[in-house]
Amino acid sequence: MKGTDHFKRTIQMYLEQRAEEDTLFAQRSTATLPRT
């Protein structure tokens, strides 16, 4: 696995966890984050 793939996956996991914990963040992020 390339380092950039690992970095992207780590950031994606953080953002998903943050969205679960913070409803305002979740509302904003669903409109702006690309889904993979």
PDB file of N, CA and C in Angstrom:
ATOM      1  N   MET A   1       0.842  -1.175   0.000  1.00  0.00           N
ATOM      2  CA  MET A   1       0.000   0.000   0.000  1.00  0.00           C
ATOM      3  C   MET A   1       0.889   1.242   0.000  1.00  0.00           C
ATOM      4  N   LYS A   2       0.533   2.190  -0.829  1.00  0.00           N
ATOM      5  CA  LYS A   2       1.296   3.424  -0.881  1.00  0.00           C
ATOM      6  C   LYS A   2       0.984   4.278   0.342  1.00  0.00           C
ATOM      7  N   GLY A   3       1.924   5.113   0.714  1.00  0.00           N
ATOM      8  CA  GLY A   3       1.740   5.990   1.863  1.00  0.00           C
ATOM      9  C   GLY A   3       0.563   6.930   1.704  1.00  0.00           C
ATOM     10  N   THR A   4       0.346   7.433   0.501  1.00  0.00           N
ATOM     11  CA  THR A   4      -0.766   8.359   0.299  1.00  0.00           C
ATOM     12  C   THR A   4      -2.110   7.661   0.460  1.00  0.00           C
ATOM     13  N   ASP A   5      -2.204   6.397   0.073  1.00  0.00           N
ATOM     14  CA  ASP A   5      -3.444   5.646   0.271  1.00  0.00           C
ATOM     15  C   ASP A   5      -3.732   5.486   1.761  1.00  0.00           C
ATOM     16  N   HIS A   6      -2.710   5.177   2.518  1.00  0.00           N
ATOM     17  CA  HIS A   6      -2.867   5.031   3.966  1.00  0.00           C
ATOM     18  C   HIS A   6      -3.307   6.359   4.581  1.00  0.00           C
ATOM     19  N   PHE A   7      -2.697   7.447   4.159  1.00  0.00           N
ATOM     20  CA  PHE A   7      -3.048   8.770   4.669  1.00  0.00           C
ATOM     21  C   PHE A   7      -4.507   9.096   4.357  1.00  0.00           C
ATOM     22  N   LYS A   8      -4.930   8.865   3.131  1.00  0.00           N
ATOM     23  CA  LYS A   8      -6.313   9.146   2.741  1.00  0.00           C
ATOM     24  C   LYS A   8      -7.295   8.320   3.558  1.00  0.00           C
ATOM     25  N   ARG A   9      -6.971   7.049   3.766  1.00  0.00           N
ATOM     26  CA  ARG A   9      -7.851   6.173   4.540  1.00  0.00           C
ATOM     27  C   ARG A   9      -7.928   6.631   5.998  1.00  0.00           C
ATOM     28  N   THR A  10      -6.793   7.051   6.555  1.00  0.00           N
ATOM     29  CA  THR A  10      -6.759   7.529   7.932  1.00  0.00           C
ATOM     30  C   THR A  10      -7.611   8.777   8.093  1.00  0.00           C
ATOM     31  N   ILE A  11      -7.475   9.723   7.176  1.00  0.00           N
ATOM     32  CA  ILE A  11      -8.262  10.953   7.235  1.00  0.00           C
ATOM     33  C   ILE A  11      -9.741  10.647   7.063  1.00  0.00           C
ATOM     34  N   GLN A  12     -10.082   9.770   6.120  1.00  0.00           N
ATOM     35  CA  GLN A  12     -11.482   9.403   5.890  1.00  0.00           C
ATOM     36  C   GLN A  12     -12.096   8.785   7.146  1.00  0.00           C
ATOM     37  N   MET A  13     -11.360   7.919   7.813  1.00  0.00           N
ATOM     38  CA  MET A  13     -11.860   7.292   9.035  1.00  0.00           C
ATOM     39  C   MET A  13     -12.073   8.336  10.126  1.00  0.00           C
ATOM     40  N   TYR A  14     -11.149   9.294  10.248  1.00  0.00           N
ATOM     41  CA  TYR A  14     -11.294  10.361  11.235  1.00  0.00           C
ATOM     42  C   TYR A  14     -12.544  11.191  10.953  1.00  0.00           C
ATOM     43  N   LEU A  15     -12.747  11.564   9.696  1.00  0.00           N
ATOM     44  CA  LEU A  15     -13.896  12.389   9.349  1.00  0.00           C
ATOM     45  C   LEU A  15     -15.211  11.654   9.586  1.00  0.00           C
ATOM     46  N   GLU A  16     -15.244  10.377   9.296  1.00  0.00           N
ATOM     47  CA  GLU A  16     -16.451   9.589   9.544  1.00  0.00           C
ATOM     48  C   GLU A  16     -16.747   9.493  11.034  1.00  0.00           C
ATOM     49  N   GLN A  17     -15.707   9.310  11.841  1.00  0.00           N
ATOM     50  CA  GLN A  17     -15.896   9.252  13.290  1.00  0.00           C
ATOM     51  C   GLN A  17     -16.376  10.602  13.812  1.00  0.00           C
ATOM     52  N   ARG A  18     -15.788  11.666  13.325  1.00  0.00           N
ATOM     53  CA  ARG A  18     -16.188  13.016  13.740  1.00  0.00           C
ATOM     54  C   ARG A  18     -17.645  13.273  13.389  1.00  0.00           C
ATOM     55  N   ALA A  19     -18.084  12.837  12.216  1.00  0.00           N
ATOM     56  CA  ALA A  19     -19.467  13.019  11.791  1.00  0.00           C
ATOM     57  C   ALA A  19     -20.430  12.250  12.694  1.00  0.00           C
ATOM     58  N   GLU A  20     -20.016  11.092  13.185  1.00  0.00           N
ATOM     59  CA  GLU A  20     -20.864  10.321  14.096  1.00  0.00           C
ATOM     60  C   GLU A  20     -21.039  11.035  15.430  1.00  0.00           C
ATOM     61  N   GLU A  21     -20.019  11.759  15.867  1.00  0.00           N
ATOM     62  CA  GLU A  21     -20.037  12.400  17.176  1.00  0.00           C
ATOM     63  C   GLU A  21     -20.594  13.820  17.138  1.00  0.00           C
ATOM     64  N   ASP A  22     -20.539  14.476  16.011  1.00  0.00           N
ATOM     65  CA  ASP A  22     -20.903  15.893  15.905  1.00  0.00           C
ATOM     66  C   ASP A  22     -21.937  16.061  14.794  1.00  0.00           C
ATOM     67  N   THR A  23     -23.188  16.309  15.164  1.00  0.00           N
ATOM     68  CA  THR A  23     -24.260  16.358  14.167  1.00  0.00           C
ATOM     69  C   THR A  23     -24.114  17.549  13.218  1.00  0.00           C
ATOM     70  N   LEU A  24     -23.655  18.689  13.708  1.00  0.00           N
ATOM     71  CA  LEU A  24     -23.462  19.838  12.826  1.00  0.00           C
ATOM     72  C   LEU A  24     -22.370  19.543  11.801  1.00  0.00           C
ATOM     73  N   PHE A  25     -21.289  18.933  12.247  1.00  0.00           N
ATOM     74  CA  PHE A  25     -20.221  18.538  11.331  1.00  0.00           C
ATOM     75  C   PHE A  25     -20.750  17.557  10.296  1.00  0.00           C
ATOM     76  N   ALA A  26     -21.573  16.624  10.733  1.00  0.00           N
ATOM     77  CA  ALA A  26     -22.134  15.625   9.817  1.00  0.00           C
ATOM     78  C   ALA A  26     -22.970  16.290   8.730  1.00  0.00           C
ATOM     79  N   GLN A  27     -23.780  17.264   9.095  1.00  0.00           N
ATOM     80  CA  GLN A  27     -24.609  17.961   8.113  1.00  0.00           C
ATOM     81  C   GLN A  27     -23.748  18.677   7.086  1.00  0.00           C
ATOM     82  N   ARG A  28     -22.710  19.331   7.542  1.00  0.00           N
ATOM     83  CA  ARG A  28     -21.822  20.068   6.632  1.00  0.00           C
ATOM     84  C   ARG A  28     -20.985  19.131   5.775  1.00  0.00           C
ATOM     85  N   SER A  29     -20.488  18.065   6.378  1.00  0.00           N
ATOM     86  CA  SER A  29     -19.556  17.193   5.660  1.00  0.00           C
ATOM     87  C   SER A  29     -20.248  16.368   4.584  1.00  0.00           C
ATOM     88  N   THR A  30     -21.494  16.005   4.776  1.00  0.00           N
ATOM     89  CA  THR A  30     -22.167  15.195   3.764  1.00  0.00           C
ATOM     90  C   THR A  30     -22.363  15.973   2.474  1.00  0.00           C
ATOM     91  N   ALA A  31     -22.420  17.285   2.566  1.00  0.00           N
ATOM     92  CA  ALA A  31     -22.590  18.104   1.373  1.00  0.00           C
ATOM     93  C   ALA A  31     -21.262  18.384   0.669  1.00  0.00           C
ATOM     94  N   THR A  32     -20.145  18.276   1.388  1.00  0.00           N
ATOM     95  CA  THR A  32     -18.871  18.697   0.811  1.00  0.00           C
ATOM     96  C   THR A  32     -17.845  17.587   0.632  1.00  0.00           C
ATOM     97  N   LEU A  33     -17.958  16.491   1.362  1.00  0.00           N
ATOM     98  CA  LEU A  33     -16.949  15.441   1.277  1.00  0.00           C
ATOM     99  C   LEU A  33     -17.229  14.489   0.125  1.00  0.00           C
ATOM    100  N   PRO A  34     -16.207  14.163  -0.632  1.00  0.00           N
ATOM    101  CA  PRO A  34     -16.398  13.158  -1.687  1.00  0.00           C
ATOM    102  C   PRO A  34     -16.509  11.775  -1.060  1.00  0.00           C
ATOM    103  N   ARG A  35     -17.351  10.955  -1.603  1.00  0.00           N
ATOM    104  CA  ARG A  35     -17.504   9.579  -1.116  1.00  0.00           C
ATOM    105  C   ARG A  35     -16.716   8.640  -2.000  1.00  0.00           C
ATOM    106  N   THR A  36     -16.021   7.708  -1.358  1.00  0.00           N
ATOM    107  CA  THR A  36     -15.222   6.748  -2.115  1.00  0.00           C
ATOM    108  C   THR A  36     -15.844   5.386  -2.084  1.00  0.00           C
TER     109      THR A  36
END
